[in-house]
PDB file of all heavy atoms in Angstrom:
ATOM      1  N   HIS A   1      -1.602  -2.838   7.675  1.00  0.00           N
ATOM      2  CA  HIS A   1      -0.496  -3.792   7.736  1.00  0.00           C
ATOM      3  C   HIS A   1      -0.977  -5.232   7.594  1.00  0.00           C
ATOM      4  O   HIS A   1      -0.206  -6.086   7.153  1.00  0.00           O
ATOM      5  CB  HIS A   1       0.280  -3.628   9.064  1.00  0.00           C
ATOM      6  CG  HIS A   1      -0.405  -4.120  10.305  1.00  0.00           C
ATOM      7  ND1 HIS A   1      -1.349  -3.377  10.971  1.00  0.00           N
ATOM      8  CD2 HIS A   1      -0.309  -5.278  10.986  1.00  0.00           C
ATOM      9  CE1 HIS A   1      -1.788  -4.035  12.016  1.00  0.00           C
ATOM     10  NE2 HIS A   1      -1.154  -5.225  12.043  1.00  0.00           N
ATOM     11  N   MET A   2      -2.196  -5.543   7.974  1.00  0.00           N
ATOM     12  CA  MET A   2      -2.707  -6.925   7.768  1.00  0.00           C
ATOM     13  C   MET A   2      -3.218  -7.160   6.361  1.00  0.00           C
ATOM     14  O   MET A   2      -2.985  -8.181   5.738  1.00  0.00           O
ATOM     15  CB  MET A   2      -3.800  -7.247   8.800  1.00  0.00           C
ATOM     16  CG  MET A   2      -3.275  -7.370  10.224  1.00  0.00           C
ATOM     17  SD  MET A   2      -4.594  -7.988  11.296  1.00  0.00           S
ATOM     18  CE  MET A   2      -5.807  -6.680  11.122  1.00  0.00           C
ATOM     19  N   ARG A   3      -3.958  -6.149   5.861  1.00  0.00           N
ATOM     20  CA  ARG A   3      -4.575  -6.290   4.499  1.00  0.00           C
ATOM     21  C   ARG A   3      -3.513  -6.326   3.419  1.00  0.00           C
ATOM     22  O   ARG A   3      -3.682  -7.010   2.419  1.00  0.00           O
ATOM     23  CB  ARG A   3      -5.524  -5.105   4.229  1.00  0.00           C
ATOM     24  CG  ARG A   3      -6.757  -5.068   5.087  1.00  0.00           C
ATOM     25  CD  ARG A   3      -7.812  -4.118   4.508  1.00  0.00           C
ATOM     26  NE  ARG A   3      -7.223  -2.950   3.856  1.00  0.00           N
ATOM     27  CZ  ARG A   3      -7.581  -2.505   2.632  1.00  0.00           C
ATOM     28  NH1 ARG A   3      -8.517  -3.143   1.932  1.00  0.00           N
ATOM     29  NH2 ARG A   3      -7.054  -1.431   2.128  1.00  0.00           N
ATOM     30  N   ALA A   4      -2.425  -5.573   3.627  1.00  0.00           N
ATOM     31  CA  ALA A   4      -1.456  -5.388   2.562  1.00  0.00           C
ATOM     32  C   ALA A   4      -0.896  -6.702   2.017  1.00  0.00           C
ATOM     33  O   ALA A   4      -0.657  -6.845   0.792  1.00  0.00           O
ATOM     34  CB  ALA A   4      -0.325  -4.519   3.036  1.00  0.00           C
ATOM     35  N   ALA A   5      -0.735  -7.674   2.886  1.00  0.00           N
ATOM     36  CA  ALA A   5      -0.103  -8.943   2.478  1.00  0.00           C
ATOM     37  C   ALA A   5      -1.049  -9.868   1.728  1.00  0.00           C
ATOM     38  O   ALA A   5      -0.627 -10.811   1.084  1.00  0.00           O
ATOM     39  CB  ALA A   5       0.477  -9.658   3.687  1.00  0.00           C
ATOM     40  N   VAL A   6      -2.373  -9.583   1.802  1.00  0.00           N
ATOM     41  CA  VAL A   6      -3.331 -10.525   1.263  1.00  0.00           C
ATOM     42  C   VAL A   6      -4.251  -9.902   0.182  1.00  0.00           C
ATOM     43  O   VAL A   6      -5.114 -10.571  -0.366  1.00  0.00           O
ATOM     44  CB  VAL A   6      -4.242 -11.113   2.377  1.00  0.00           C
ATOM     45  CG1 VAL A   6      -3.343 -11.909   3.316  1.00  0.00           C
ATOM     46  CG2 VAL A   6      -4.992 -10.047   3.119  1.00  0.00           C
ATOM     47  N   LEU A   7      -4.065  -8.647  -0.166  1.00  0.00           N
ATOM     48  CA  LEU A   7      -4.915  -8.001  -1.137  1.00  0.00           C
ATOM     49  C   LEU A   7      -4.818  -8.685  -2.510  1.00  0.00           C
ATOM     50  O   LEU A   7      -3.714  -9.025  -2.954  1.00  0.00           O
ATOM     51  CB  LEU A   7      -4.537  -6.517  -1.291  1.00  0.00           C
ATOM     52  CG  LEU A   7      -5.041  -5.546  -0.229  1.00  0.00           C
ATOM     53  CD1 LEU A   7      -4.579  -4.122  -0.569  1.00  0.00           C
ATOM     54  CD2 LEU A   7      -6.551  -5.583  -0.082  1.00  0.00           C
ATOM     55  N   LYS A   8      -5.932  -8.889  -3.171  1.00  0.00           N
ATOM     56  CA  LYS A   8      -5.975  -9.453  -4.490  1.00  0.00           C
ATOM     57  C   LYS A   8      -6.659  -8.544  -5.532  1.00  0.00           C
ATOM     58  O   LYS A   8      -6.270  -8.526  -6.691  1.00  0.00           O
ATOM     59  CB  LYS A   8      -6.748 -10.793  -4.469  1.00  0.00           C
ATOM     60  CG  LYS A   8      -6.166 -11.848  -3.498  1.00  0.00           C
ATOM     61  CD  LYS A   8      -4.785 -12.247  -3.871  1.00  0.00           C
ATOM     62  CE  LYS A   8      -4.230 -13.315  -2.961  1.00  0.00           C
ATOM     63  NZ  LYS A   8      -2.824 -13.675  -3.238  1.00  0.00           N
ATOM     64  N   SER A   9      -7.659  -7.809  -5.078  1.00  0.00           N
ATOM     65  CA  SER A   9      -8.447  -6.953  -5.999  1.00  0.00           C
ATOM     66  C   SER A   9      -7.549  -5.855  -6.567  1.00  0.00           C
ATOM     67  O   SER A   9      -6.859  -5.144  -5.818  1.00  0.00           O
ATOM     68  CB  SER A   9      -9.625  -6.331  -5.211  1.00  0.00           C
ATOM     69  OG  SER A   9     -10.150  -5.212  -5.905  1.00  0.00           O
ATOM     70  N   ALA A  10      -7.610  -5.697  -7.882  1.00  0.00           N
ATOM     71  CA  ALA A  10      -6.810  -4.648  -8.541  1.00  0.00           C
ATOM     72  C   ALA A  10      -7.175  -3.273  -8.028  1.00  0.00           C
ATOM     73  O   ALA A  10      -6.278  -2.454  -7.756  1.00  0.00           O
ATOM     74  CB  ALA A  10      -6.998  -4.741 -10.041  1.00  0.00           C
ATOM     75  N   GLY A  11      -8.475  -3.039  -7.861  1.00  0.00           N
ATOM     76  CA  GLY A  11      -8.931  -1.730  -7.412  1.00  0.00           C
ATOM     77  C   GLY A  11      -8.415  -1.407  -6.008  1.00  0.00           C
ATOM     78  O   GLY A  11      -7.950  -0.294  -5.722  1.00  0.00           O
ATOM     79  N   LYS A  12      -8.462  -2.389  -5.109  1.00  0.00           N
ATOM     80  CA  LYS A  12      -8.020  -2.159  -3.734  1.00  0.00           C
ATOM     81  C   LYS A  12      -6.489  -2.004  -3.661  1.00  0.00           C
ATOM     82  O   LYS A  12      -5.978  -1.225  -2.841  1.00  0.00           O
ATOM     83  CB  LYS A  12      -8.495  -3.293  -2.854  1.00  0.00           C
ATOM     84  CG  LYS A  12      -9.996  -3.310  -2.631  1.00  0.00           C
ATOM     85  CD  LYS A  12     -10.443  -4.439  -1.728  1.00  0.00           C
ATOM     86  CE  LYS A  12     -11.956  -4.378  -1.492  1.00  0.00           C
ATOM     87  NZ  LYS A  12     -12.436  -5.507  -0.629  1.00  0.00           N
ATOM     88  N   ILE A  13      -5.785  -2.723  -4.505  1.00  0.00           N
ATOM     89  CA  ILE A  13      -4.334  -2.580  -4.548  1.00  0.00           C
ATOM     90  C   ILE A  13      -3.965  -1.189  -5.042  1.00  0.00           C
ATOM     91  O   ILE A  13      -3.081  -0.536  -4.486  1.00  0.00           O
ATOM     92  CB  ILE A  13      -3.720  -3.689  -5.456  1.00  0.00           C
ATOM     93  CG1 ILE A  13      -3.797  -5.020  -4.722  1.00  0.00           C
ATOM     94  CG2 ILE A  13      -2.251  -3.338  -5.810  1.00  0.00           C
ATOM     95  CD1 ILE A  13      -3.359  -6.214  -5.569  1.00  0.00           C
ATOM     96  N   VAL A  14      -4.652  -0.742  -6.082  1.00  0.00           N
ATOM     97  CA  VAL A  14      -4.414   0.620  -6.594  1.00  0.00           C
ATOM     98  C   VAL A  14      -4.707   1.636  -5.499  1.00  0.00           C
ATOM     99  O   VAL A  14      -3.944   2.591  -5.300  1.00  0.00           O
ATOM    100  CB  VAL A  14      -5.265   0.895  -7.846  1.00  0.00           C
ATOM    101  CG1 VAL A  14      -5.297   2.370  -8.173  1.00  0.00           C
ATOM    102  CG2 VAL A  14      -4.732   0.086  -9.026  1.00  0.00           C
ATOM    103  N   ASP A  15      -5.813   1.462  -4.796  1.00  0.00           N
ATOM    104  CA  ASP A  15      -6.161   2.416  -3.711  1.00  0.00           C
ATOM    105  C   ASP A  15      -5.067   2.471  -2.676  1.00  0.00           C
ATOM    106  O   ASP A  15      -4.718   3.535  -2.174  1.00  0.00           O
ATOM    107  CB  ASP A  15      -7.486   1.997  -3.061  1.00  0.00           C
ATOM    108  CG  ASP A  15      -8.695   2.217  -3.992  1.00  0.00           C
ATOM    109  OD1 ASP A  15      -8.562   2.949  -4.973  1.00  0.00           O
ATOM    110  OD2 ASP A  15      -9.760   1.631  -3.704  1.00  0.00           O
ATOM    111  N   LEU A  16      -4.541   1.311  -2.278  1.00  0.00           N
ATOM    112  CA  LEU A  16      -3.493   1.301  -1.244  1.00  0.00           C
ATOM    113  C   LEU A  16      -2.222   1.997  -1.727  1.00  0.00           C
ATOM    114  O   LEU A  16      -1.610   2.782  -1.009  1.00  0.00           O
ATOM    115  CB  LEU A  16      -3.170  -0.156  -0.844  1.00  0.00           C
ATOM    116  CG  LEU A  16      -1.977  -0.304   0.145  1.00  0.00           C
ATOM    117  CD1 LEU A  16      -2.259   0.493   1.411  1.00  0.00           C
ATOM    118  CD2 LEU A  16      -1.765  -1.774   0.495  1.00  0.00           C
ATOM    119  N   LEU A  17      -1.813   1.704  -2.939  1.00  0.00           N
ATOM    120  CA  LEU A  17      -0.614   2.333  -3.460  1.00  0.00           C
ATOM    121  C   LEU A  17      -0.785   3.844  -3.563  1.00  0.00           C
ATOM    122  O   LEU A  17       0.177   4.621  -3.287  1.00  0.00           O
ATOM    123  CB  LEU A  17      -0.256   1.766  -4.846  1.00  0.00           C
ATOM    124  CG  LEU A  17       0.249   0.292  -4.854  1.00  0.00           C
ATOM    125  CD1 LEU A  17       0.392  -0.188  -6.270  1.00  0.00           C
ATOM    126  CD2 LEU A  17       1.569   0.189  -4.099  1.00  0.00           C
ATOM    127  N   MET A  18      -1.954   4.305  -3.904  1.00  0.00           N
ATOM    128  CA  MET A  18      -2.197   5.757  -3.950  1.00  0.00           C
ATOM    129  C   MET A  18      -2.221   6.371  -2.550  1.00  0.00           C
ATOM    130  O   MET A  18      -1.780   7.505  -2.367  1.00  0.00           O
ATOM    131  CB  MET A  18      -3.513   6.045  -4.678  1.00  0.00           C
ATOM    132  CG  MET A  18      -3.520   5.647  -6.163  1.00  0.00           C
ATOM    133  SD  MET A  18      -2.030   6.341  -7.083  1.00  0.00           S
ATOM    134  CE  MET A  18      -2.313   8.090  -6.888  1.00  0.00           C
ATOM    135  N   LYS A  19      -2.703   5.606  -1.565  1.00  0.00           N
ATOM    136  CA  LYS A  19      -2.655   6.107  -0.194  1.00  0.00           C
ATOM    137  C   LYS A  19      -1.222   6.284   0.282  1.00  0.00           C
ATOM    138  O   LYS A  19      -0.876   7.242   0.913  1.00  0.00           O
ATOM    139  CB  LYS A  19      -3.357   5.083   0.757  1.00  0.00           C
ATOM    140  CG  LYS A  19      -4.868   5.158   0.778  1.00  0.00           C
ATOM    141  CD  LYS A  19      -5.388   4.137   1.814  1.00  0.00           C
ATOM    142  CE  LYS A  19      -6.921   4.070   1.837  1.00  0.00           C
ATOM    143  NZ  LYS A  19      -7.374   3.071   2.819  1.00  0.00           N
ATOM    144  N   ILE A  20      -0.405   5.301  -0.054  1.00  0.00           N
ATOM    145  CA  ILE A  20       1.033   5.387   0.296  1.00  0.00           C
ATOM    146  C   ILE A  20       1.641   6.611  -0.346  1.00  0.00           C
ATOM    147  O   ILE A  20       2.393   7.368   0.266  1.00  0.00           O
ATOM    148  CB  ILE A  20       1.776   4.109  -0.104  1.00  0.00           C
ATOM    149  CG1 ILE A  20       1.226   2.918   0.688  1.00  0.00           C
ATOM    150  CG2 ILE A  20       3.270   4.271   0.129  1.00  0.00           C
ATOM    151  CD1 ILE A  20       1.748   1.584   0.200  1.00  0.00           C
ATOM    152  N   HIS A  21       1.330   6.820  -1.613  1.00  0.00           N
ATOM    153  CA  HIS A  21       1.873   7.937  -2.365  1.00  0.00           C
ATOM    154  C   HIS A  21       1.453   9.252  -1.729  1.00  0.00           C
ATOM    155  O   HIS A  21       2.258  10.212  -1.645  1.00  0.00           O
ATOM    156  CB  HIS A  21       1.398   7.891  -3.823  1.00  0.00           C
ATOM    157  CG  HIS A  21       1.754   9.118  -4.626  1.00  0.00           C
ATOM    158  ND1 HIS A  21       3.066   9.406  -4.916  1.00  0.00           N
ATOM    159  CD2 HIS A  21       0.992  10.078  -5.138  1.00  0.00           C
ATOM    160  CE1 HIS A  21       3.082  10.549  -5.615  1.00  0.00           C
ATOM    161  NE2 HIS A  21       1.827  10.966  -5.740  1.00  0.00           N
ATOM    162  N   LYS A  22       0.215   9.352  -1.293  1.00  0.00           N
ATOM    163  CA  LYS A  22      -0.288  10.621  -0.731  1.00  0.00           C
ATOM    164  C   LYS A  22       0.240  10.893   0.698  1.00  0.00           C
ATOM    165  O   LYS A  22       0.212  12.011   1.174  1.00  0.00           O
ATOM    166  CB  LYS A  22      -1.811  10.619  -0.729  1.00  0.00           C
ATOM    167  CG  LYS A  22      -2.396  10.688  -2.118  1.00  0.00           C
ATOM    168  CD  LYS A  22      -3.917  10.573  -2.139  1.00  0.00           C
ATOM    169  CE  LYS A  22      -4.464  10.603  -3.551  1.00  0.00           C
ATOM    170  NZ  LYS A  22      -5.933  10.401  -3.584  1.00  0.00           N
ATOM    171  N   SER A  23       0.715   9.799   1.319  1.00  0.00           N
ATOM    172  CA  SER A  23       1.318  10.009   2.665  1.00  0.00           C
ATOM    173  C   SER A  23       2.742  10.513   2.428  1.00  0.00           C
ATOM    174  O   SER A  23       3.212  10.648   1.313  1.00  0.00           O
ATOM    175  CB  SER A  23       1.365   8.668   3.411  1.00  0.00           C
ATOM    176  OG  SER A  23       2.351   7.822   2.888  1.00  0.00           O
ATOM    177  N   LYS A  24       3.465  10.721   3.531  1.00  0.00           N
ATOM    178  CA  LYS A  24       4.831  11.196   3.393  1.00  0.00           C
ATOM    179  C   LYS A  24       5.819  10.031   3.479  1.00  0.00           C
ATOM    180  O   LYS A  24       6.979  10.223   3.800  1.00  0.00           O
ATOM    181  CB  LYS A  24       5.140  12.238   4.473  1.00  0.00           C
ATOM    182  CG  LYS A  24       4.353  13.544   4.286  1.00  0.00           C
ATOM    183  CD  LYS A  24       4.766  14.593   5.268  1.00  0.00           C
ATOM    184  CE  LYS A  24       4.042  15.908   5.025  1.00  0.00           C
ATOM    185  NZ  LYS A  24       4.421  16.945   5.958  1.00  0.00           N
ATOM    186  N   MET A  25       5.364   8.818   3.207  1.00  0.00           N
ATOM    187  CA  MET A  25       6.260   7.665   3.185  1.00  0.00           C
ATOM    188  C   MET A  25       6.351   7.154   1.763  1.00  0.00           C
ATOM    189  O   MET A  25       5.421   7.327   0.968  1.00  0.00           O
ATOM    190  CB  MET A  25       5.781   6.573   4.161  1.00  0.00           C
ATOM    191  CG  MET A  25       4.531   5.841   3.763  1.00  0.00           C
ATOM    192  SD  MET A  25       3.792   4.746   5.013  1.00  0.00           S
ATOM    193  CE  MET A  25       5.169   3.838   5.592  1.00  0.00           C
ATOM    194  N   SER A  26       7.461   6.521   1.468  1.00  0.00           N
ATOM    195  CA  SER A  26       7.601   5.894   0.157  1.00  0.00           C
ATOM    196  C   SER A  26       7.116   4.452   0.184  1.00  0.00           C
ATOM    197  O   SER A  26       6.870   3.899   1.244  1.00  0.00           O
ATOM    198  CB  SER A  26       9.087   5.917  -0.243  1.00  0.00           C
ATOM    199  OG  SER A  26       9.823   5.053   0.611  1.00  0.00           O
ATOM    200  N   VAL A  27       6.970   3.862  -0.986  1.00  0.00           N
ATOM    201  CA  VAL A  27       6.599   2.432  -1.052  1.00  0.00           C
ATOM    202  C   VAL A  27       7.667   1.630  -0.355  1.00  0.00           C
ATOM    203  O   VAL A  27       7.387   0.657   0.355  1.00  0.00           O
ATOM    204  CB  VAL A  27       6.447   2.001  -2.506  1.00  0.00           C
ATOM    205  CG1 VAL A  27       6.230   0.479  -2.579  1.00  0.00           C
ATOM    206  CG2 VAL A  27       5.299   2.747  -3.181  1.00  0.00           C
ATOM    207  N   ALA A  28       8.921   2.002  -0.510  1.00  0.00           N
ATOM    208  CA  ALA A  28      10.039   1.282   0.121  1.00  0.00           C
ATOM    209  C   ALA A  28       9.898   1.348   1.633  1.00  0.00           C
ATOM    210  O   ALA A  28      10.141   0.354   2.341  1.00  0.00           O
ATOM    211  CB  ALA A  28      11.386   1.840  -0.329  1.00  0.00           C
ATOM    212  N   ASP A  29       9.526   2.523   2.171  1.00  0.00           N
ATOM    213  CA  ASP A  29       9.285   2.654   3.623  1.00  0.00           C
ATOM    214  C   ASP A  29       8.196   1.715   4.103  1.00  0.00           C
ATOM    215  O   ASP A  29       8.347   1.000   5.084  1.00  0.00           O
ATOM    216  CB  ASP A  29       8.895   4.098   3.951  1.00  0.00           C
ATOM    217  CG  ASP A  29      10.029   5.085   3.819  1.00  0.00           C
ATOM    218  OD1 ASP A  29      11.203   4.678   3.969  1.00  0.00           O
ATOM    219  OD2 ASP A  29       9.751   6.272   3.570  1.00  0.00           O
ATOM    220  N   PHE A  30       7.076   1.758   3.420  1.00  0.00           N
ATOM    221  CA  PHE A  30       5.955   0.895   3.777  1.00  0.00           C
ATOM    222  C   PHE A  30       6.348  -0.578   3.691  1.00  0.00           C
ATOM    223  O   PHE A  30       6.062  -1.382   4.609  1.00  0.00           O
ATOM    224  CB  PHE A  30       4.783   1.143   2.822  1.00  0.00           C
ATOM    225  CG  PHE A  30       3.506   0.420   3.140  1.00  0.00           C
ATOM    226  CD1 PHE A  30       2.679   0.843   4.154  1.00  0.00           C
ATOM    227  CD2 PHE A  30       3.156  -0.709   2.405  1.00  0.00           C
ATOM    228  CE1 PHE A  30       1.532   0.151   4.446  1.00  0.00           C
ATOM    229  CE2 PHE A  30       1.988  -1.400   2.673  1.00  0.00           C
ATOM    230  CZ  PHE A  30       1.169  -0.959   3.733  1.00  0.00           C
ATOM    231  N   ASN A  31       7.089  -0.924   2.661  1.00  0.00           N
ATOM    232  CA  ASN A  31       7.537  -2.300   2.511  1.00  0.00           C
ATOM    233  C   ASN A  31       8.442  -2.780   3.623  1.00  0.00           C
ATOM    234  O   ASN A  31       8.420  -3.932   4.033  1.00  0.00           O
ATOM    235  CB  ASN A  31       8.244  -2.478   1.158  1.00  0.00           C
ATOM    236  CG  ASN A  31       7.277  -2.504  -0.010  1.00  0.00           C
ATOM    237  OD1 ASN A  31       6.068  -2.496   0.166  1.00  0.00           O
ATOM    238  ND2 ASN A  31       7.816  -2.555  -1.200  1.00  0.00           N
ATOM    239  N   ASP A  32       9.250  -1.868   4.147  1.00  0.00           N
ATOM    240  CA  ASP A  32      10.151  -2.248   5.238  1.00  0.00           C
ATOM    241  C   ASP A  32       9.368  -2.759   6.459  1.00  0.00           C
ATOM    242  O   ASP A  32       9.772  -3.760   7.106  1.00  0.00           O
ATOM    243  CB  ASP A  32      11.057  -1.066   5.662  1.00  0.00           C
ATOM    244  CG  ASP A  32      12.136  -0.782   4.646  1.00  0.00           C
ATOM    245  OD1 ASP A  32      12.488  -1.689   3.843  1.00  0.00           O
ATOM    246  OD2 ASP A  32      12.673   0.344   4.639  1.00  0.00           O
ATOM    247  N   VAL A  33       8.245  -2.117   6.734  1.00  0.00           N
ATOM    248  CA  VAL A  33       7.441  -2.570   7.889  1.00  0.00           C
ATOM    249  C   VAL A  33       6.703  -3.860   7.547  1.00  0.00           C
ATOM    250  O   VAL A  33       6.686  -4.830   8.326  1.00  0.00           O
ATOM    251  CB  VAL A  33       6.447  -1.464   8.300  1.00  0.00           C
ATOM    252  CG1 VAL A  33       5.580  -1.914   9.483  1.00  0.00           C
ATOM    253  CG2 VAL A  33       7.133  -0.154   8.611  1.00  0.00           C
TER     254      VAL A  33
END
C-alpha cells in the first residue's frame, strides 16, 4: 500500500500488477484501498 503510490520502475510496476492479477482481487479492488 505504500509502494504502490510511488513506483516508477516499469519492471516493478509490472510485477505489482501481476501480483494483483494472481490474487483474488481486481485492479479496481486494489485501487479502492
